[in-house]
Amino acid sequence: MATTNPLQFIQQVRAEVAKVVWPTRREVMLTTVMVFILAALTAIFFAIVDILIRGGLQVVLDMFG
């Protein structure tokens, strides 16, 4: 494996970083809002599933208890 000196390494890193396409502020805000909305929808879904399972289990336990 070939080794590079620190100066060459820094030059290569800068060249690679220059190739990165950074998102715009609008894209970051849009994806952030989407993440919060999807997280809220997921939390609501699992809360409803939890309530249904708890209610069904309570019915079953009341039948035998």
N, C-alpha and C. Protein backbone atom coordinates (compact mmCIF):
# COMPACT_ATOMS: atom_id res chain seq x y z
N MET A 1 0.85 -1.17 0.00
CA MET A 1 0.00 0.00 0.00
C MET A 1 0.90 1.24 0.00
N ALA A 2 0.64 2.13 -0.92
CA ALA A 2 1.45 3.34 -1.03
C ALA A 2 1.06 4.33 0.05
N THR A 3 2.06 5.01 0.58
CA THR A 3 1.77 6.03 1.59
C THR A 3 1.93 7.40 0.95
N THR A 4 1.14 8.35 1.44
CA THR A 4 1.23 9.71 0.94
C THR A 4 1.68 10.60 2.08
N ASN A 5 2.35 11.67 1.72
CA ASN A 5 2.78 12.58 2.78
C ASN A 5 1.58 13.42 3.22
N PRO A 6 1.67 14.07 4.37
CA PRO A 6 0.53 14.83 4.90
C PRO A 6 0.02 15.92 3.95
N LEU A 7 0.92 16.56 3.23
CA LEU A 7 0.49 17.62 2.30
C LEU A 7 -0.36 17.06 1.18
N GLN A 8 0.06 15.94 0.62
CA GLN A 8 -0.74 15.30 -0.44
C GLN A 8 -2.09 14.84 0.11
N PHE A 9 -2.09 14.32 1.33
CA PHE A 9 -3.34 13.87 1.94
C PHE A 9 -4.31 15.03 2.09
N ILE A 10 -3.84 16.15 2.58
CA ILE A 10 -4.70 17.32 2.76
C ILE A 10 -5.22 17.80 1.41
N GLN A 11 -4.39 17.79 0.39
CA GLN A 11 -4.83 18.20 -0.94
C GLN A 11 -5.91 17.26 -1.47
N GLN A 12 -5.73 15.96 -1.25
CA GLN A 12 -6.73 15.00 -1.70
C GLN A 12 -8.05 15.16 -0.95
N VAL A 13 -7.96 15.42 0.34
CA VAL A 13 -9.18 15.63 1.14
C VAL A 13 -9.91 16.86 0.64
N ARG A 14 -9.19 17.95 0.41
CA ARG A 14 -9.83 19.17 -0.09
C ARG A 14 -10.47 18.95 -1.45
N ALA A 15 -9.82 18.15 -2.31
CA ALA A 15 -10.39 17.86 -3.63
C ALA A 15 -11.68 17.06 -3.50
N GLU A 16 -11.71 16.11 -2.58
CA GLU A 16 -12.92 15.30 -2.38
C GLU A 16 -14.05 16.13 -1.78
N VAL A 17 -13.71 16.99 -0.82
CA VAL A 17 -14.73 17.83 -0.19
C VAL A 17 -15.32 18.80 -1.21
N ALA A 18 -14.52 19.25 -2.16
CA ALA A 18 -15.01 20.16 -3.19
C ALA A 18 -16.04 19.48 -4.08
N LYS A 19 -16.03 18.15 -4.17
CA LYS A 19 -16.98 17.41 -5.00
C LYS A 19 -18.34 17.23 -4.33
N VAL A 20 -18.40 17.47 -3.03
CA VAL A 20 -19.63 17.26 -2.27
C VAL A 20 -20.66 18.30 -2.68
N VAL A 21 -21.89 17.84 -2.91
CA VAL A 21 -22.98 18.76 -3.21
C VAL A 21 -23.75 18.99 -1.92
N TRP A 22 -23.62 20.18 -1.35
CA TRP A 22 -24.25 20.48 -0.08
C TRP A 22 -25.71 20.89 -0.31
N PRO A 23 -26.62 20.48 0.57
CA PRO A 23 -28.03 20.86 0.40
C PRO A 23 -28.23 22.34 0.69
N THR A 24 -29.26 22.88 0.06
CA THR A 24 -29.59 24.29 0.32
C THR A 24 -30.35 24.38 1.64
N ARG A 25 -30.47 25.60 2.14
CA ARG A 25 -31.19 25.82 3.40
C ARG A 25 -32.65 25.35 3.26
N ARG A 26 -33.25 25.59 2.09
CA ARG A 26 -34.64 25.19 1.85
C ARG A 26 -34.76 23.67 1.89
N GLU A 27 -33.82 22.95 1.28
CA GLU A 27 -33.86 21.49 1.29
C GLU A 27 -33.72 20.94 2.71
N VAL A 28 -32.83 21.55 3.49
CA VAL A 28 -32.64 21.10 4.87
C VAL A 28 -33.91 21.33 5.68
N MET A 29 -34.52 22.50 5.54
CA MET A 29 -35.75 22.79 6.28
C MET A 29 -36.88 21.84 5.86
N LEU A 30 -37.00 21.58 4.56
CA LEU A 30 -38.06 20.71 4.06
C LEU A 30 -37.89 19.29 4.60
N THR A 31 -36.69 18.76 4.54
CA THR A 31 -36.48 17.40 5.03
C THR A 31 -36.63 17.33 6.54
N THR A 32 -36.25 18.39 7.26
CA THR A 32 -36.42 18.41 8.71
C THR A 32 -37.91 18.37 9.07
N VAL A 33 -38.71 19.17 8.38
CA VAL A 33 -40.16 19.18 8.63
C VAL A 33 -40.75 17.81 8.31
N MET A 34 -40.29 17.21 7.21
CA MET A 34 -40.81 15.89 6.84
C MET A 34 -40.48 14.85 7.91
N VAL A 35 -39.28 14.92 8.47
CA VAL A 35 -38.90 13.97 9.52
C VAL A 35 -39.79 14.14 10.74
N PHE A 36 -40.04 15.39 11.15
CA PHE A 36 -40.91 15.62 12.31
C PHE A 36 -42.34 15.14 12.05
N ILE A 37 -42.85 15.38 10.86
CA ILE A 37 -44.21 14.93 10.53
C ILE A 37 -44.29 13.41 10.54
N LEU A 38 -43.33 12.74 9.92
CA LEU A 38 -43.35 11.27 9.90
C LEU A 38 -43.15 10.68 11.29
N ALA A 39 -42.32 11.32 12.11
CA ALA A 39 -42.13 10.85 13.48
C ALA A 39 -43.44 10.98 14.27
N ALA A 40 -44.15 12.08 14.07
CA ALA A 40 -45.43 12.28 14.76
C ALA A 40 -46.46 11.25 14.28
N LEU A 41 -46.52 11.02 12.97
CA LEU A 41 -47.47 10.02 12.45
C LEU A 41 -47.15 8.62 12.97
N THR A 42 -45.87 8.30 13.06
CA THR A 42 -45.47 6.99 13.58
C THR A 42 -45.85 6.87 15.05
N ALA A 43 -45.63 7.92 15.82
CA ALA A 43 -46.00 7.89 17.24
C ALA A 43 -47.51 7.73 17.40
N ILE A 44 -48.29 8.42 16.59
CA ILE A 44 -49.76 8.29 16.66
C ILE A 44 -50.18 6.88 16.29
N PHE A 45 -49.58 6.32 15.24
CA PHE A 45 -49.91 4.96 14.82
C PHE A 45 -49.66 3.96 15.95
N PHE A 46 -48.48 4.03 16.55
CA PHE A 46 -48.16 3.07 17.61
C PHE A 46 -48.98 3.31 18.87
N ALA A 47 -49.38 4.55 19.13
CA ALA A 47 -50.26 4.83 20.26
C ALA A 47 -51.62 4.17 20.03
N ILE A 48 -52.14 4.27 18.81
CA ILE A 48 -53.43 3.64 18.50
C ILE A 48 -53.33 2.13 18.59
N VAL A 49 -52.25 1.56 18.06
CA VAL A 49 -52.06 0.11 18.14
C VAL A 49 -51.96 -0.31 19.60
N ASP A 50 -51.25 0.45 20.42
CA ASP A 50 -51.12 0.13 21.84
C ASP A 50 -52.48 0.17 22.53
N ILE A 51 -53.28 1.17 22.22
CA ILE A 51 -54.61 1.27 22.83
C ILE A 51 -55.49 0.09 22.42
N LEU A 52 -55.43 -0.30 21.14
CA LEU A 52 -56.23 -1.43 20.67
C LEU A 52 -55.79 -2.74 21.33
N ILE A 53 -54.50 -2.96 21.41
CA ILE A 53 -54.00 -4.19 22.04
C ILE A 53 -54.36 -4.21 23.52
N ARG A 54 -54.20 -3.07 24.19
CA ARG A 54 -54.54 -3.00 25.61
C ARG A 54 -56.03 -3.26 25.83
N GLY A 55 -56.88 -2.68 24.97
CA GLY A 55 -58.32 -2.90 25.09
C GLY A 55 -58.69 -4.34 24.83
N GLY A 56 -58.10 -4.94 23.81
CA GLY A 56 -58.38 -6.34 23.52
C GLY A 56 -57.92 -7.26 24.62
N LEU A 57 -56.76 -6.99 25.18
CA LEU A 57 -56.25 -7.80 26.29
C LEU A 57 -57.12 -7.64 27.52
N GLN A 58 -57.60 -6.43 27.76
CA GLN A 58 -58.48 -6.20 28.90
C GLN A 58 -59.78 -6.98 28.75
N VAL A 59 -60.33 -7.03 27.53
CA VAL A 59 -61.54 -7.81 27.30
C VAL A 59 -61.30 -9.29 27.57
N VAL A 60 -60.18 -9.80 27.07
CA VAL A 60 -59.86 -11.21 27.29
C VAL A 60 -59.67 -11.51 28.77
N LEU A 61 -58.96 -10.63 29.48
CA LEU A 61 -58.73 -10.86 30.92
C LEU A 61 -60.03 -10.75 31.70
N ASP A 62 -60.93 -9.85 31.31
CA ASP A 62 -62.22 -9.72 32.00
C ASP A 62 -63.09 -10.98 31.80
N MET A 63 -62.92 -11.64 30.64
CA MET A 63 -63.71 -12.85 30.40
C MET A 63 -63.28 -13.97 31.32
N PHE A 64 -62.00 -14.04 31.65
CA PHE A 64 -61.50 -15.13 32.49
C PHE A 64 -61.31 -14.72 33.94
N GLY A 65 -61.44 -13.47 34.23
CA GLY A 65 -61.16 -13.01 35.60
C GLY A 65 -62.39 -12.65 36.30
